[in-house]
Amino acid sequence: MLKIVVLMKKKAGMSRADFIDHYENVHSVLGRKYLGHLFLNYVRNYPQGPMLPGGAGESSTPYDCITEIWLRDEAALNEMRAIIARPDVSAVLKADEQLFQDKAESHFLIVEEHRDG
């Protein structure tokens, strides 16, 4: 199983509420429309403020959303990449991202997840 983590920053001047509303009601809907058949799980996490006192990074996180997407395998990841690269899909996703996301400050990671138990 593969996991993708997206560290997302909202567009400058956009409120947190508007960012969440757009992501939940527009962008995630588009993601599920084009890619949802590949998702084993799709979670959006919205940080709630400062970390615990004494921990690293006592100020608020620099990200407005941490998205987690689980995929079955490398073949699913390759299919996802191919779908996103299609001109019709790419145009729709990029146009929408410009409405709510600071792409220069957002990061897309493929991670190796380790769990206890």
N, C-alpha and C. Protein backbone atom coordinates (compact mmCIF):
# COMPACT_ATOMS: atom_id res chain seq x y z
N MET A 1 0.85 -1.17 0.00
CA MET A 1 0.00 0.00 0.00
C MET A 1 0.90 1.24 0.00
N LEU A 2 0.47 2.26 -0.74
CA LEU A 2 1.19 3.54 -0.80
C LEU A 2 0.35 4.62 -0.15
N LYS A 3 1.03 5.62 0.36
CA LYS A 3 0.34 6.76 0.96
C LYS A 3 0.92 8.04 0.39
N ILE A 4 0.02 8.96 0.05
CA ILE A 4 0.39 10.29 -0.42
C ILE A 4 -0.01 11.26 0.67
N VAL A 5 0.87 12.19 0.97
CA VAL A 5 0.57 13.26 1.92
C VAL A 5 0.73 14.58 1.16
N VAL A 6 -0.30 15.41 1.24
CA VAL A 6 -0.25 16.73 0.61
C VAL A 6 -0.29 17.77 1.73
N LEU A 7 0.75 18.59 1.80
CA LEU A 7 0.83 19.69 2.76
C LEU A 7 0.38 20.93 2.01
N MET A 8 -0.77 21.45 2.36
CA MET A 8 -1.41 22.48 1.56
C MET A 8 -1.50 23.81 2.30
N LYS A 9 -1.19 24.86 1.59
CA LYS A 9 -1.27 26.23 2.10
C LYS A 9 -2.38 26.95 1.34
N LYS A 10 -3.20 27.69 2.08
CA LYS A 10 -4.29 28.42 1.43
C LYS A 10 -3.76 29.65 0.71
N LYS A 11 -4.53 30.11 -0.24
CA LYS A 11 -4.20 31.30 -1.00
C LYS A 11 -4.17 32.51 -0.08
N ALA A 12 -3.20 33.40 -0.28
CA ALA A 12 -3.07 34.61 0.55
C ALA A 12 -4.37 35.40 0.55
N GLY A 13 -4.76 35.84 1.73
CA GLY A 13 -5.96 36.65 1.88
C GLY A 13 -7.25 35.86 2.01
N MET A 14 -7.17 34.55 1.84
CA MET A 14 -8.37 33.72 1.95
C MET A 14 -8.58 33.32 3.41
N SER A 15 -9.81 33.35 3.87
CA SER A 15 -10.07 32.94 5.25
C SER A 15 -9.98 31.42 5.38
N ARG A 16 -9.72 30.97 6.58
CA ARG A 16 -9.66 29.53 6.87
C ARG A 16 -10.99 28.88 6.51
N ALA A 17 -12.09 29.52 6.90
CA ALA A 17 -13.42 28.96 6.64
C ALA A 17 -13.68 28.83 5.14
N ASP A 18 -13.30 29.84 4.37
CA ASP A 18 -13.51 29.78 2.92
C ASP A 18 -12.62 28.71 2.29
N PHE A 19 -11.38 28.59 2.78
CA PHE A 19 -10.48 27.56 2.28
C PHE A 19 -11.07 26.16 2.51
N ILE A 20 -11.49 25.90 3.73
CA ILE A 20 -12.07 24.58 4.06
C ILE A 20 -13.32 24.33 3.24
N ASP A 21 -14.19 25.33 3.15
CA ASP A 21 -15.41 25.18 2.38
C ASP A 21 -15.11 24.83 0.92
N HIS A 22 -14.16 25.54 0.33
CA HIS A 22 -13.83 25.27 -1.08
C HIS A 22 -13.22 23.88 -1.24
N TYR A 23 -12.32 23.53 -0.36
CA TYR A 23 -11.68 22.22 -0.49
C TYR A 23 -12.70 21.09 -0.32
N GLU A 24 -13.53 21.19 0.69
CA GLU A 24 -14.50 20.14 0.96
C GLU A 24 -15.61 20.04 -0.08
N ASN A 25 -16.06 21.18 -0.60
CA ASN A 25 -17.24 21.19 -1.45
C ASN A 25 -16.97 21.34 -2.94
N VAL A 26 -15.72 21.63 -3.29
CA VAL A 26 -15.38 21.75 -4.71
C VAL A 26 -14.19 20.85 -5.06
N HIS A 27 -13.02 21.14 -4.48
CA HIS A 27 -11.82 20.43 -4.91
C HIS A 27 -11.83 18.94 -4.57
N SER A 28 -12.24 18.60 -3.36
CA SER A 28 -12.27 17.17 -3.02
C SER A 28 -13.32 16.43 -3.85
N VAL A 29 -14.37 17.13 -4.24
CA VAL A 29 -15.39 16.53 -5.12
C VAL A 29 -14.77 16.23 -6.48
N LEU A 30 -13.98 17.19 -7.01
CA LEU A 30 -13.28 16.94 -8.27
C LEU A 30 -12.29 15.79 -8.14
N GLY A 31 -11.54 15.77 -7.02
CA GLY A 31 -10.59 14.68 -6.80
C GLY A 31 -11.26 13.33 -6.80
N ARG A 32 -12.39 13.23 -6.12
CA ARG A 32 -13.11 11.95 -6.09
C ARG A 32 -13.70 11.61 -7.46
N LYS A 33 -14.14 12.64 -8.19
CA LYS A 33 -14.71 12.41 -9.53
C LYS A 33 -13.69 11.74 -10.45
N TYR A 34 -12.49 12.30 -10.50
CA TYR A 34 -11.47 11.81 -11.43
C TYR A 34 -10.62 10.67 -10.88
N LEU A 35 -10.40 10.66 -9.57
CA LEU A 35 -9.42 9.74 -8.98
C LEU A 35 -9.97 8.83 -7.90
N GLY A 36 -11.18 9.08 -7.46
CA GLY A 36 -11.74 8.37 -6.31
C GLY A 36 -11.74 6.85 -6.43
N HIS A 37 -11.84 6.34 -7.64
CA HIS A 37 -11.83 4.89 -7.83
C HIS A 37 -10.49 4.27 -7.42
N LEU A 38 -9.45 5.11 -7.30
CA LEU A 38 -8.12 4.63 -6.91
C LEU A 38 -7.87 4.72 -5.41
N PHE A 39 -8.67 5.53 -4.70
CA PHE A 39 -8.44 5.80 -3.28
C PHE A 39 -8.92 4.65 -2.41
N LEU A 40 -8.03 4.16 -1.56
CA LEU A 40 -8.46 3.24 -0.51
C LEU A 40 -9.01 4.03 0.67
N ASN A 41 -8.45 5.22 0.87
CA ASN A 41 -8.91 6.14 1.92
C ASN A 41 -8.45 7.54 1.53
N TYR A 42 -9.24 8.54 1.91
CA TYR A 42 -8.96 9.94 1.55
C TYR A 42 -9.37 10.80 2.74
N VAL A 43 -8.36 11.38 3.43
CA VAL A 43 -8.61 12.12 4.66
C VAL A 43 -8.03 13.53 4.53
N ARG A 44 -8.81 14.53 4.94
CA ARG A 44 -8.34 15.91 4.99
C ARG A 44 -8.27 16.31 6.45
N ASN A 45 -7.10 16.79 6.86
CA ASN A 45 -6.85 17.20 8.25
C ASN A 45 -6.59 18.70 8.27
N TYR A 46 -7.33 19.43 9.12
CA TYR A 46 -7.17 20.88 9.22
C TYR A 46 -6.58 21.21 10.58
N PRO A 47 -5.30 21.64 10.63
CA PRO A 47 -4.67 21.95 11.91
C PRO A 47 -5.48 22.98 12.70
N GLN A 48 -5.48 22.80 14.03
CA GLN A 48 -6.31 23.61 14.91
C GLN A 48 -5.55 24.70 15.65
N GLY A 49 -4.31 24.96 15.32
CA GLY A 49 -3.59 26.03 16.00
C GLY A 49 -2.24 25.57 16.49
N PRO A 50 -1.71 26.23 17.53
CA PRO A 50 -0.35 25.94 17.99
C PRO A 50 -0.20 24.50 18.48
N MET A 51 1.02 24.01 18.34
CA MET A 51 1.35 22.70 18.89
C MET A 51 1.47 22.82 20.40
N LEU A 52 1.63 21.71 21.06
CA LEU A 52 1.76 21.71 22.52
C LEU A 52 2.96 22.53 22.97
N PRO A 53 2.86 23.24 24.08
CA PRO A 53 4.00 24.00 24.60
C PRO A 53 5.21 23.10 24.81
N GLY A 54 6.38 23.63 24.49
CA GLY A 54 7.61 22.87 24.70
C GLY A 54 7.98 21.99 23.52
N GLY A 55 7.06 21.79 22.59
CA GLY A 55 7.35 20.97 21.42
C GLY A 55 7.98 21.80 20.33
N ALA A 56 8.51 21.13 19.35
CA ALA A 56 9.08 21.85 18.21
C ALA A 56 7.97 22.60 17.49
N GLY A 57 8.24 23.79 17.08
CA GLY A 57 7.26 24.56 16.32
C GLY A 57 6.08 24.99 17.16
N GLU A 58 6.32 25.76 18.21
CA GLU A 58 5.22 26.20 19.07
C GLU A 58 4.24 27.12 18.35
N SER A 59 4.67 27.73 17.25
CA SER A 59 3.74 28.56 16.49
C SER A 59 2.84 27.67 15.64
N SER A 60 1.85 28.26 15.04
CA SER A 60 0.93 27.50 14.21
C SER A 60 1.67 26.84 13.05
N THR A 61 1.14 25.74 12.59
CA THR A 61 1.72 25.05 11.45
C THR A 61 1.68 25.94 10.22
N PRO A 62 2.64 25.83 9.33
CA PRO A 62 2.62 26.64 8.11
C PRO A 62 1.61 26.11 7.08
N TYR A 63 0.94 25.00 7.38
CA TYR A 63 0.01 24.40 6.43
C TYR A 63 -1.43 24.52 6.94
N ASP A 64 -2.32 24.70 6.00
CA ASP A 64 -3.73 24.85 6.33
C ASP A 64 -4.50 23.54 6.20
N CYS A 65 -3.92 22.58 5.50
CA CYS A 65 -4.53 21.26 5.39
C CYS A 65 -3.43 20.23 5.16
N ILE A 66 -3.59 19.09 5.78
CA ILE A 66 -2.71 17.95 5.55
C ILE A 66 -3.61 16.83 5.05
N THR A 67 -3.47 16.54 3.77
CA THR A 67 -4.31 15.53 3.13
C THR A 67 -3.56 14.21 3.07
N GLU A 68 -4.26 13.12 3.33
CA GLU A 68 -3.69 11.78 3.24
C GLU A 68 -4.53 10.97 2.27
N ILE A 69 -3.85 10.32 1.33
CA ILE A 69 -4.51 9.47 0.34
C ILE A 69 -3.79 8.13 0.31
N TRP A 70 -4.52 7.08 0.54
CA TRP A 70 -3.96 5.74 0.47
C TRP A 70 -4.33 5.11 -0.86
N LEU A 71 -3.32 4.52 -1.51
CA LEU A 71 -3.50 3.83 -2.79
C LEU A 71 -3.08 2.37 -2.64
N ARG A 72 -3.67 1.53 -3.45
CA ARG A 72 -3.42 0.08 -3.40
C ARG A 72 -1.95 -0.25 -3.65
N ASP A 73 -1.36 0.37 -4.71
CA ASP A 73 -0.01 -0.02 -5.10
C ASP A 73 0.56 0.98 -6.10
N GLU A 74 1.73 0.67 -6.61
CA GLU A 74 2.42 1.52 -7.58
C GLU A 74 1.61 1.67 -8.87
N ALA A 75 0.90 0.63 -9.26
CA ALA A 75 0.07 0.72 -10.46
C ALA A 75 -1.03 1.77 -10.29
N ALA A 76 -1.63 1.83 -9.12
CA ALA A 76 -2.65 2.85 -8.84
C ALA A 76 -2.04 4.25 -8.87
N LEU A 77 -0.83 4.38 -8.33
CA LEU A 77 -0.14 5.67 -8.36
C LEU A 77 0.14 6.09 -9.81
N ASN A 78 0.59 5.15 -10.62
CA ASN A 78 0.86 5.45 -12.03
C ASN A 78 -0.41 5.83 -12.77
N GLU A 79 -1.52 5.15 -12.45
CA GLU A 79 -2.80 5.50 -13.07
C GLU A 79 -3.23 6.90 -12.64
N MET A 80 -3.03 7.20 -11.36
CA MET A 80 -3.35 8.53 -10.86
C MET A 80 -2.56 9.60 -11.61
N ARG A 81 -1.27 9.38 -11.76
CA ARG A 81 -0.42 10.33 -12.49
C ARG A 81 -0.89 10.51 -13.93
N ALA A 82 -1.26 9.39 -14.57
CA ALA A 82 -1.71 9.45 -15.96
C ALA A 82 -3.02 10.24 -16.09
N ILE A 83 -3.94 10.05 -15.17
CA ILE A 83 -5.21 10.77 -15.19
C ILE A 83 -4.96 12.26 -14.98
N ILE A 84 -4.14 12.60 -13.99
CA ILE A 84 -3.84 14.01 -13.71
C ILE A 84 -3.14 14.67 -14.89
N ALA A 85 -2.37 13.92 -15.66
CA ALA A 85 -1.64 14.46 -16.81
C ALA A 85 -2.52 14.67 -18.04
N ARG A 86 -3.71 14.08 -18.05
CA ARG A 86 -4.60 14.28 -19.20
C ARG A 86 -4.95 15.77 -19.30
N PRO A 87 -4.86 16.35 -20.49
CA PRO A 87 -5.11 17.79 -20.63
C PRO A 87 -6.47 18.24 -20.10
N ASP A 88 -7.52 17.45 -20.31
CA ASP A 88 -8.85 17.84 -19.84
C ASP A 88 -8.92 17.87 -18.32
N VAL A 89 -8.34 16.88 -17.67
CA VAL A 89 -8.35 16.80 -16.20
C VAL A 89 -7.39 17.83 -15.61
N SER A 90 -6.21 17.92 -16.17
CA SER A 90 -5.21 18.86 -15.68
C SER A 90 -5.74 20.29 -15.70
N ALA A 91 -6.40 20.67 -16.77
CA ALA A 91 -6.94 22.03 -16.88
C ALA A 91 -7.96 22.33 -15.78
N VAL A 92 -8.83 21.38 -15.52
CA VAL A 92 -9.87 21.56 -14.50
C VAL A 92 -9.24 21.67 -13.11
N LEU A 93 -8.33 20.74 -12.79
CA LEU A 93 -7.71 20.74 -11.46
C LEU A 93 -6.86 21.98 -11.24
N LYS A 94 -6.05 22.35 -12.21
CA LYS A 94 -5.18 23.53 -12.06
C LYS A 94 -6.00 24.81 -11.92
N ALA A 95 -7.05 24.94 -12.70
CA ALA A 95 -7.90 26.13 -12.59
C ALA A 95 -8.53 26.22 -11.20
N ASP A 96 -8.96 25.10 -10.68
CA ASP A 96 -9.57 25.11 -9.35
C ASP A 96 -8.54 25.38 -8.27
N GLU A 97 -7.36 24.79 -8.38
CA GLU A 97 -6.31 25.01 -7.39
C GLU A 97 -5.96 26.49 -7.26
N GLN A 98 -5.99 27.22 -8.35
CA GLN A 98 -5.67 28.65 -8.33
C GLN A 98 -6.68 29.45 -7.52
N LEU A 99 -7.86 28.91 -7.32
CA LEU A 99 -8.91 29.62 -6.58
C LEU A 99 -8.72 29.60 -5.07
N PHE A 100 -7.97 28.59 -4.56
CA PHE A 100 -7.91 28.46 -3.10
C PHE A 100 -6.56 28.06 -2.53
N GLN A 101 -5.60 27.73 -3.36
CA GLN A 101 -4.36 27.13 -2.90
C GLN A 101 -3.13 27.96 -3.29
N ASP A 102 -2.15 28.05 -2.40
CA ASP A 102 -0.85 28.61 -2.74
C ASP A 102 0.03 27.45 -3.17
N LYS A 103 0.07 27.18 -4.46
CA LYS A 103 0.78 26.01 -4.97
C LYS A 103 2.28 26.06 -4.69
N ALA A 104 2.86 27.26 -4.67
CA ALA A 104 4.30 27.38 -4.42
C ALA A 104 4.66 26.96 -3.00
N GLU A 105 3.72 27.05 -2.07
CA GLU A 105 3.97 26.70 -0.67
C GLU A 105 3.33 25.37 -0.27
N SER A 106 2.78 24.65 -1.23
CA SER A 106 2.17 23.36 -0.97
C SER A 106 3.09 22.25 -1.47
N HIS A 107 3.04 21.10 -0.82
CA HIS A 107 3.96 20.01 -1.15
C HIS A 107 3.23 18.68 -1.22
N PHE A 108 3.64 17.86 -2.17
CA PHE A 108 3.06 16.56 -2.46
C PHE A 108 4.13 15.51 -2.17
N LEU A 109 3.87 14.61 -1.23
CA LEU A 109 4.86 13.62 -0.82
C LEU A 109 4.31 12.20 -0.94
N ILE A 110 5.12 11.30 -1.39
CA ILE A 110 4.80 9.88 -1.30
C ILE A 110 5.59 9.36 -0.11
N VAL A 111 4.90 8.78 0.86
CA VAL A 111 5.54 8.40 2.11
C VAL A 111 5.42 6.90 2.36
N GLU A 112 6.32 6.43 3.17
CA GLU A 112 6.28 5.06 3.67
C GLU A 112 5.73 5.11 5.08
N GLU A 113 4.55 4.55 5.25
CA GLU A 113 3.90 4.62 6.55
C GLU A 113 4.28 3.43 7.41
N HIS A 114 4.62 3.69 8.67
CA HIS A 114 4.90 2.62 9.64
C HIS A 114 3.91 2.76 10.77
N ARG A 115 3.29 1.66 11.14
CA ARG A 115 2.31 1.67 12.23
C ARG A 115 2.69 0.64 13.28
N ASP A 116 2.33 0.94 14.50
CA ASP A 116 2.49 -0.05 15.58
C ASP A 116 1.30 -1.00 15.52
N GLY A 117 1.55 -2.22 15.89
CA GLY A 117 0.45 -3.17 16.00
C GLY A 117 0.09 -3.86 14.81
